[in-house]
Amino acid sequence: MKYILIILLLAVFLGLGSGFYIKPEDEATGNLLIGLSISAGFFILMPLFIYHRWKDKNVKDYMLTKENILKMQEYQNSKDKK
């Protein structure tokens, strides 16, 4: 998955670069390449990246629940006593 994300990121940057390079000569094709690259970045790359980063994580660990608040208070109290 890591290599797929890297390849996709490079493809998006390559598409953006080529779009900006072609734009002065052929504005319609340049705008098309830029638009497709940005769309691929937002609709394909970002969801894959978010899935890759969160797939093995427990969302409860990052939510502000009563248990987590108590853990933070206990940690702060033990830190203050040292």
PDB file of N, CA and C in Angstrom:
ATOM      1  N   MET A   1       0.830  -1.189   0.000  1.00  0.00           N
ATOM      2  CA  MET A   1       0.000   0.000   0.000  1.00  0.00           C
ATOM      3  C   MET A   1       0.873   1.252   0.000  1.00  0.00           C
ATOM      4  N   LYS A   2       2.003   1.182   0.712  1.00  0.00           N
ATOM      5  CA  LYS A   2       2.889   2.326   0.796  1.00  0.00           C
ATOM      6  C   LYS A   2       3.417   2.705  -0.590  1.00  0.00           C
ATOM      7  N   TYR A   3       3.789   1.704  -1.360  1.00  0.00           N
ATOM      8  CA  TYR A   3       4.350   1.976  -2.683  1.00  0.00           C
ATOM      9  C   TYR A   3       3.281   2.470  -3.658  1.00  0.00           C
ATOM     10  N   ILE A   4       2.064   1.993  -3.495  1.00  0.00           N
ATOM     11  CA  ILE A   4       0.955   2.480  -4.324  1.00  0.00           C
ATOM     12  C   ILE A   4       0.725   3.960  -4.058  1.00  0.00           C
ATOM     13  N   LEU A   5       0.753   4.346  -2.784  1.00  0.00           N
ATOM     14  CA  LEU A   5       0.567   5.749  -2.430  1.00  0.00           C
ATOM     15  C   LEU A   5       1.692   6.618  -2.985  1.00  0.00           C
ATOM     16  N   ILE A   6       2.910   6.134  -2.914  1.00  0.00           N
ATOM     17  CA  ILE A   6       4.040   6.912  -3.443  1.00  0.00           C
ATOM     18  C   ILE A   6       3.926   7.070  -4.949  1.00  0.00           C
ATOM     19  N   ILE A   7       3.577   5.990  -5.637  1.00  0.00           N
ATOM     20  CA  ILE A   7       3.427   6.051  -7.094  1.00  0.00           C
ATOM     21  C   ILE A   7       2.295   6.996  -7.487  1.00  0.00           C
ATOM     22  N   LEU A   8       1.184   6.936  -6.755  1.00  0.00           N
ATOM     23  CA  LEU A   8       0.055   7.821  -7.039  1.00  0.00           C
ATOM     24  C   LEU A   8       0.428   9.277  -6.787  1.00  0.00           C
ATOM     25  N   LEU A   9       1.168   9.537  -5.713  1.00  0.00           N
ATOM     26  CA  LEU A   9       1.590  10.903  -5.416  1.00  0.00           C
ATOM     27  C   LEU A   9       2.511  11.429  -6.511  1.00  0.00           C
ATOM     28  N   LEU A  10       3.431  10.601  -6.962  1.00  0.00           N
ATOM     29  CA  LEU A  10       4.315  11.016  -8.051  1.00  0.00           C
ATOM     30  C   LEU A  10       3.533  11.254  -9.338  1.00  0.00           C
ATOM     31  N   ALA A  11       2.526  10.416  -9.595  1.00  0.00           N
ATOM     32  CA  ALA A  11       1.707  10.601 -10.797  1.00  0.00           C
ATOM     33  C   ALA A  11       0.925  11.915 -10.729  1.00  0.00           C
ATOM     34  N   VAL A  12       0.412  12.251  -9.549  1.00  0.00           N
ATOM     35  CA  VAL A  12      -0.322  13.517  -9.393  1.00  0.00           C
ATOM     36  C   VAL A  12       0.620  14.691  -9.617  1.00  0.00           C
ATOM     37  N   PHE A  13       1.816  14.634  -9.021  1.00  0.00           N
ATOM     38  CA  PHE A  13       2.775  15.725  -9.226  1.00  0.00           C
ATOM     39  C   PHE A  13       3.235  15.810 -10.673  1.00  0.00           C
ATOM     40  N   LEU A  14       3.430  14.675 -11.303  1.00  0.00           N
ATOM     41  CA  LEU A  14       3.826  14.658 -12.708  1.00  0.00           C
ATOM     42  C   LEU A  14       2.720  15.254 -13.584  1.00  0.00           C
ATOM     43  N   GLY A  15       1.469  14.906 -13.288  1.00  0.00           N
ATOM     44  CA  GLY A  15       0.349  15.464 -14.028  1.00  0.00           C
ATOM     45  C   GLY A  15       0.225  16.968 -13.843  1.00  0.00           C
ATOM     46  N   LEU A  16       0.424  17.426 -12.608  1.00  0.00           N
ATOM     47  CA  LEU A  16       0.376  18.869 -12.358  1.00  0.00           C
ATOM     48  C   LEU A  16       1.508  19.589 -13.091  1.00  0.00           C
ATOM     49  N   GLY A  17       2.686  19.028 -12.984  1.00  0.00           N
ATOM     50  CA  GLY A  17       3.831  19.653 -13.651  1.00  0.00           C
ATOM     51  C   GLY A  17       3.663  19.720 -15.152  1.00  0.00           C
ATOM     52  N   SER A  18       3.219  18.610 -15.732  1.00  0.00           N
ATOM     53  CA  SER A  18       3.034  18.616 -17.183  1.00  0.00           C
ATOM     54  C   SER A  18       1.879  19.528 -17.587  1.00  0.00           C
ATOM     55  N   GLY A  19       0.871  19.616 -16.756  1.00  0.00           N
ATOM     56  CA  GLY A  19      -0.240  20.526 -17.049  1.00  0.00           C
ATOM     57  C   GLY A  19       0.196  21.976 -17.061  1.00  0.00           C
ATOM     58  N   PHE A  20       0.999  22.349 -16.061  1.00  0.00           N
ATOM     59  CA  PHE A  20       1.499  23.721 -16.033  1.00  0.00           C
ATOM     60  C   PHE A  20       2.519  23.983 -17.141  1.00  0.00           C
ATOM     61  N   TYR A  21       3.234  22.947 -17.556  1.00  0.00           N
ATOM     62  CA  TYR A  21       4.207  23.101 -18.647  1.00  0.00           C
ATOM     63  C   TYR A  21       3.496  23.273 -19.992  1.00  0.00           C
ATOM     64  N   ILE A  22       2.408  22.520 -20.202  1.00  0.00           N
ATOM     65  CA  ILE A  22       1.676  22.564 -21.476  1.00  0.00           C
ATOM     66  C   ILE A  22       0.738  23.766 -21.556  1.00  0.00           C
ATOM     67  N   LYS A  23       0.311  24.289 -20.416  1.00  0.00           N
ATOM     68  CA  LYS A  23      -0.714  25.334 -20.380  1.00  0.00           C
ATOM     69  C   LYS A  23      -0.402  26.557 -21.249  1.00  0.00           C
ATOM     70  N   PRO A  24       0.821  27.078 -21.294  1.00  0.00           N
ATOM     71  CA  PRO A  24       1.044  28.255 -22.164  1.00  0.00           C
ATOM     72  C   PRO A  24       0.826  27.970 -23.653  1.00  0.00           C
ATOM     73  N   GLU A  25       1.099  26.755 -24.086  1.00  0.00           N
ATOM     74  CA  GLU A  25       0.942  26.430 -25.510  1.00  0.00           C
ATOM     75  C   GLU A  25      -0.490  26.014 -25.842  1.00  0.00           C
ATOM     76  N   ASP A  26      -1.064  25.135 -25.021  1.00  0.00           N
ATOM     77  CA  ASP A  26      -2.416  24.628 -25.252  1.00  0.00           C
ATOM     78  C   ASP A  26      -3.173  24.699 -23.935  1.00  0.00           C
ATOM     79  N   GLU A  27      -3.917  25.788 -23.758  1.00  0.00           N
ATOM     80  CA  GLU A  27      -4.539  26.062 -22.471  1.00  0.00           C
ATOM     81  C   GLU A  27      -5.582  25.016 -22.081  1.00  0.00           C
ATOM     82  N   ALA A  28      -6.351  24.537 -23.038  1.00  0.00           N
ATOM     83  CA  ALA A  28      -7.406  23.566 -22.726  1.00  0.00           C
ATOM     84  C   ALA A  28      -6.818  22.253 -22.216  1.00  0.00           C
ATOM     85  N   THR A  29      -5.793  21.749 -22.874  1.00  0.00           N
ATOM     86  CA  THR A  29      -5.159  20.500 -22.453  1.00  0.00           C
ATOM     87  C   THR A  29      -4.447  20.680 -21.116  1.00  0.00           C
ATOM     88  N   GLY A  30      -3.797  21.814 -20.926  1.00  0.00           N
ATOM     89  CA  GLY A  30      -3.132  22.101 -19.660  1.00  0.00           C
ATOM     90  C   GLY A  30      -4.105  22.135 -18.504  1.00  0.00           C
ATOM     91  N   ASN A  31      -5.231  22.829 -18.711  1.00  0.00           N
ATOM     92  CA  ASN A  31      -6.252  22.888 -17.665  1.00  0.00           C
ATOM     93  C   ASN A  31      -6.848  21.511 -17.385  1.00  0.00           C
ATOM     94  N   LEU A  32      -7.010  20.700 -18.429  1.00  0.00           N
ATOM     95  CA  LEU A  32      -7.532  19.348 -18.255  1.00  0.00           C
ATOM     96  C   LEU A  32      -6.586  18.505 -17.405  1.00  0.00           C
ATOM     97  N   LEU A  33      -5.300  18.560 -17.713  1.00  0.00           N
ATOM     98  CA  LEU A  33      -4.321  17.790 -16.940  1.00  0.00           C
ATOM     99  C   LEU A  33      -4.253  18.256 -15.487  1.00  0.00           C
ATOM    100  N   ILE A  34      -4.285  19.551 -15.278  1.00  0.00           N
ATOM    101  CA  ILE A  34      -4.254  20.086 -13.916  1.00  0.00           C
ATOM    102  C   ILE A  34      -5.506  19.651 -13.152  1.00  0.00           C
ATOM    103  N   GLY A  35      -6.658  19.761 -13.777  1.00  0.00           N
ATOM    104  CA  GLY A  35      -7.913  19.374 -13.124  1.00  0.00           C
ATOM    105  C   GLY A  35      -7.973  17.889 -12.803  1.00  0.00           C
ATOM    106  N   LEU A  36      -7.535  17.058 -13.747  1.00  0.00           N
ATOM    107  CA  LEU A  36      -7.537  15.611 -13.491  1.00  0.00           C
ATOM    108  C   LEU A  36      -6.560  15.242 -12.376  1.00  0.00           C
ATOM    109  N   SER A  37      -5.418  15.908 -12.344  1.00  0.00           N
ATOM    110  CA  SER A  37      -4.435  15.619 -11.300  1.00  0.00           C
ATOM    111  C   SER A  37      -4.955  16.011  -9.924  1.00  0.00           C
ATOM    112  N   ILE A  38      -5.568  17.170  -9.829  1.00  0.00           N
ATOM    113  CA  ILE A  38      -6.114  17.609  -8.541  1.00  0.00           C
ATOM    114  C   ILE A  38      -7.271  16.711  -8.117  1.00  0.00           C
ATOM    115  N   SER A  39      -8.123  16.328  -9.066  1.00  0.00           N
ATOM    116  CA  SER A  39      -9.234  15.430  -8.746  1.00  0.00           C
ATOM    117  C   SER A  39      -8.731  14.065  -8.274  1.00  0.00           C
ATOM    118  N   ALA A  40      -7.720  13.536  -8.941  1.00  0.00           N
ATOM    119  CA  ALA A  40      -7.149  12.247  -8.522  1.00  0.00           C
ATOM    120  C   ALA A  40      -6.531  12.369  -7.141  1.00  0.00           C
ATOM    121  N   GLY A  41      -5.902  13.493  -6.861  1.00  0.00           N
ATOM    122  CA  GLY A  41      -5.318  13.704  -5.541  1.00  0.00           C
ATOM    123  C   GLY A  41      -6.359  13.730  -4.445  1.00  0.00           C
ATOM    124  N   PHE A  42      -7.481  14.403  -4.684  1.00  0.00           N
ATOM    125  CA  PHE A  42      -8.505  14.520  -3.657  1.00  0.00           C
ATOM    126  C   PHE A  42      -9.394  13.290  -3.551  1.00  0.00           C
ATOM    127  N   PHE A  43      -9.771  12.699  -4.670  1.00  0.00           N
ATOM    128  CA  PHE A  43     -10.756  11.623  -4.627  1.00  0.00           C
ATOM    129  C   PHE A  43     -10.157  10.221  -4.600  1.00  0.00           C
ATOM    130  N   ILE A  44      -8.891  10.076  -4.930  1.00  0.00           N
ATOM    131  CA  ILE A  44      -8.262   8.753  -4.918  1.00  0.00           C
ATOM    132  C   ILE A  44      -7.131   8.700  -3.890  1.00  0.00           C
ATOM    133  N   LEU A  45      -6.186   9.633  -3.991  1.00  0.00           N
ATOM    134  CA  LEU A  45      -5.003   9.598  -3.139  1.00  0.00           C
ATOM    135  C   LEU A  45      -5.342   9.852  -1.668  1.00  0.00           C
ATOM    136  N   MET A  46      -6.102  10.893  -1.374  1.00  0.00           N
ATOM    137  CA  MET A  46      -6.391  11.225   0.026  1.00  0.00           C
ATOM    138  C   MET A  46      -7.175  10.126   0.748  1.00  0.00           C
ATOM    139  N   PRO A  47      -8.250   9.561   0.177  1.00  0.00           N
ATOM    140  CA  PRO A  47      -8.934   8.473   0.894  1.00  0.00           C
ATOM    141  C   PRO A  47      -8.049   7.250   1.110  1.00  0.00           C
ATOM    142  N   LEU A  48      -7.211   6.911   0.119  1.00  0.00           N
ATOM    143  CA  LEU A  48      -6.291   5.785   0.303  1.00  0.00           C
ATOM    144  C   LEU A  48      -5.275   6.079   1.394  1.00  0.00           C
ATOM    145  N   PHE A  49      -4.770   7.296   1.438  1.00  0.00           N
ATOM    146  CA  PHE A  49      -3.813   7.675   2.471  1.00  0.00           C
ATOM    147  C   PHE A  49      -4.453   7.633   3.856  1.00  0.00           C
ATOM    148  N   ILE A  50      -5.649   8.165   3.979  1.00  0.00           N
ATOM    149  CA  ILE A  50      -6.337   8.163   5.274  1.00  0.00           C
ATOM    150  C   ILE A  50      -6.624   6.732   5.715  1.00  0.00           C
ATOM    151  N   TYR A  51      -7.058   5.881   4.805  1.00  0.00           N
ATOM    152  CA  TYR A  51      -7.298   4.476   5.145  1.00  0.00           C
ATOM    153  C   TYR A  51      -6.001   3.801   5.585  1.00  0.00           C
ATOM    154  N   HIS A  52      -4.920   4.059   4.862  1.00  0.00           N
ATOM    155  CA  HIS A  52      -3.634   3.449   5.182  1.00  0.00           C
ATOM    156  C   HIS A  52      -3.154   3.866   6.574  1.00  0.00           C
ATOM    157  N   ARG A  53      -3.339   5.119   6.947  1.00  0.00           N
ATOM    158  CA  ARG A  53      -2.862   5.595   8.239  1.00  0.00           C
ATOM    159  C   ARG A  53      -3.744   5.145   9.401  1.00  0.00           C
ATOM    160  N   TRP A  54      -5.036   4.902   9.183  1.00  0.00           N
ATOM    161  CA  TRP A  54      -5.958   4.595  10.271  1.00  0.00           C
ATOM    162  C   TRP A  54      -6.377   3.133  10.324  1.00  0.00           C
ATOM    163  N   LYS A  55      -5.904   2.263   9.440  1.00  0.00           N
ATOM    164  CA  LYS A  55      -6.449   0.912   9.357  1.00  0.00           C
ATOM    165  C   LYS A  55      -6.200   0.063  10.598  1.00  0.00           C
ATOM    166  N   ASP A  56      -5.104   0.237  11.318  1.00  0.00           N
ATOM    167  CA  ASP A  56      -4.821  -0.571  12.496  1.00  0.00           C
ATOM    168  C   ASP A  56      -4.980   0.197  13.801  1.00  0.00           C
ATOM    169  N   LYS A  57      -5.625   1.316  13.765  1.00  0.00           N
ATOM    170  CA  LYS A  57      -5.776   2.142  14.956  1.00  0.00           C
ATOM    171  C   LYS A  57      -7.189   2.023  15.520  1.00  0.00           C
ATOM    172  N   ASN A  58      -7.285   2.176  16.817  1.00  0.00           N
ATOM    173  CA  ASN A  58      -8.579   2.169  17.485  1.00  0.00           C
ATOM    174  C   ASN A  58      -9.023   3.613  17.679  1.00  0.00           C
ATOM    175  N   VAL A  59     -10.168   3.957  17.152  1.00  0.00           N
ATOM    176  CA  VAL A  59     -10.651   5.332  17.197  1.00  0.00           C
ATOM    177  C   VAL A  59     -10.948   5.744  18.636  1.00  0.00           C
ATOM    178  N   LYS A  60     -11.321   4.805  19.480  1.00  0.00           N
ATOM    179  CA  LYS A  60     -11.621   5.105  20.889  1.00  0.00           C
ATOM    180  C   LYS A  60     -10.413   5.715  21.602  1.00  0.00           C
ATOM    181  N   ASP A  61      -9.211   5.353  21.185  1.00  0.00           N
ATOM    182  CA  ASP A  61      -8.010   5.893  21.828  1.00  0.00           C
ATOM    183  C   ASP A  61      -7.856   7.387  21.588  1.00  0.00           C
ATOM    184  N   TYR A  62      -8.456   7.910  20.548  1.00  0.00           N
ATOM    185  CA  TYR A  62      -8.292   9.312  20.195  1.00  0.00           C
ATOM    186  C   TYR A  62      -9.521  10.153  20.533  1.00  0.00           C
ATOM    187  N   MET A  63     -10.558   9.523  21.095  1.00  0.00           N
ATOM    188  CA  MET A  63     -11.763  10.252  21.470  1.00  0.00           C
ATOM    189  C   MET A  63     -11.658  10.706  22.916  1.00  0.00           C
ATOM    190  N   LEU A  64     -12.287  11.800  23.226  1.00  0.00           N
ATOM    191  CA  LEU A  64     -12.273  12.330  24.574  1.00  0.00           C
ATOM    192  C   LEU A  64     -13.412  11.694  25.371  1.00  0.00           C
ATOM    193  N   THR A  65     -13.132  10.530  25.953  1.00  0.00           N
ATOM    194  CA  THR A  65     -14.116   9.820  26.766  1.00  0.00           C
ATOM    195  C   THR A  65     -13.774  10.011  28.234  1.00  0.00           C
ATOM    196  N   LYS A  66     -14.675   9.582  29.082  1.00  0.00           N
ATOM    197  CA  LYS A  66     -14.459   9.729  30.519  1.00  0.00           C
ATOM    198  C   LYS A  66     -13.212   8.974  30.976  1.00  0.00           C
ATOM    199  N   GLU A  67     -13.008   7.779  30.420  1.00  0.00           N
ATOM    200  CA  GLU A  67     -11.827   6.993  30.792  1.00  0.00           C
ATOM    201  C   GLU A  67     -10.535   7.696  30.383  1.00  0.00           C
ATOM    202  N   ASN A  68     -10.532   8.268  29.193  1.00  0.00           N
ATOM    203  CA  ASN A  68      -9.327   8.965  28.728  1.00  0.00           C
ATOM    204  C   ASN A  68      -9.061  10.233  29.533  1.00  0.00           C
ATOM    205  N   ILE A  69     -10.114  10.911  29.946  1.00  0.00           N
ATOM    206  CA  ILE A  69      -9.939  12.098  30.787  1.00  0.00           C
ATOM    207  C   ILE A  69      -9.328  11.700  32.119  1.00  0.00           C
ATOM    208  N   LEU A  70      -9.805  10.609  32.709  1.00  0.00           N
ATOM    209  CA  LEU A  70      -9.239  10.131  33.971  1.00  0.00           C
ATOM    210  C   LEU A  70      -7.776   9.712  33.809  1.00  0.00           C
ATOM    211  N   LYS A  71      -7.454   9.065  32.691  1.00  0.00           N
ATOM    212  CA  LYS A  71      -6.057   8.681  32.426  1.00  0.00           C
ATOM    213  C   LYS A  71      -5.169   9.917  32.332  1.00  0.00           C
ATOM    214  N   MET A  72      -5.658  10.955  31.654  1.00  0.00           N
ATOM    215  CA  MET A  72      -4.875  12.180  31.516  1.00  0.00           C
ATOM    216  C   MET A  72      -4.678  12.858  32.867  1.00  0.00           C
ATOM    217  N   GLN A  73      -5.734  12.870  33.707  1.00  0.00           N
ATOM    218  CA  GLN A  73      -5.613  13.477  35.024  1.00  0.00           C
ATOM    219  C   GLN A  73      -4.644  12.701  35.897  1.00  0.00           C
ATOM    220  N   GLU A  74      -4.711  11.371  35.855  1.00  0.00           N
ATOM    221  CA  GLU A  74      -3.787  10.552  36.633  1.00  0.00           C
ATOM    222  C   GLU A  74      -2.346  10.764  36.163  1.00  0.00           C
ATOM    223  N   TYR A  75      -2.152  10.857  34.867  1.00  0.00           N
ATOM    224  CA  TYR A  75      -0.814  11.086  34.324  1.00  0.00           C
ATOM    225  C   TYR A  75      -0.294  12.453  34.757  1.00  0.00           C
ATOM    226  N   GLN A  76      -1.135  13.455  34.710  1.00  0.00           N
ATOM    227  CA  GLN A  76      -0.741  14.809  35.105  1.00  0.00           C
ATOM    228  C   GLN A  76      -0.410  14.856  36.598  1.00  0.00           C
ATOM    229  N   ASN A  77      -1.216  14.172  37.422  1.00  0.00           N
ATOM    230  CA  ASN A  77      -0.954  14.142  38.858  1.00  0.00           C
ATOM    231  C   ASN A  77       0.346  13.429  39.174  1.00  0.00           C
ATOM    232  N   SER A  78       0.613  12.331  38.512  1.00  0.00           N
ATOM    233  CA  SER A  78       1.862  11.609  38.762  1.00  0.00           C
ATOM    234  C   SER A  78       3.066  12.400  38.268  1.00  0.00           C
ATOM    235  N   LYS A  79       2.877  13.164  37.220  1.00  0.00           N
ATOM    236  CA  LYS A  79       3.961  13.982  36.666  1.00  0.00           C
ATOM    237  C   LYS A  79       4.253  15.161  37.614  1.00  0.00           C
ATOM    238  N   ASP A  80       3.203  15.718  38.218  1.00  0.00           N
ATOM    239  CA  ASP A  80       3.384  16.854  39.132  1.00  0.00           C
ATOM    240  C   ASP A  80       4.075  16.421  40.421  1.00  0.00           C
ATOM    241  N   LYS A  81       3.882  15.198  40.856  1.00  0.00           N
ATOM    242  CA  LYS A  81       4.465  14.722  42.110  1.00  0.00           C
ATOM    243  C   LYS A  81       5.962  14.483  41.993  1.00  0.00           C
ATOM    244  N   LYS A  82       6.439  14.288  40.775  1.00  0.00           N
ATOM    245  CA  LYS A  82       7.883  14.017  40.585  1.00  0.00           C
ATOM    246  C   LYS A  82       8.646  15.250  40.645  1.00  0.00           C
TER     247      LYS A  82
END
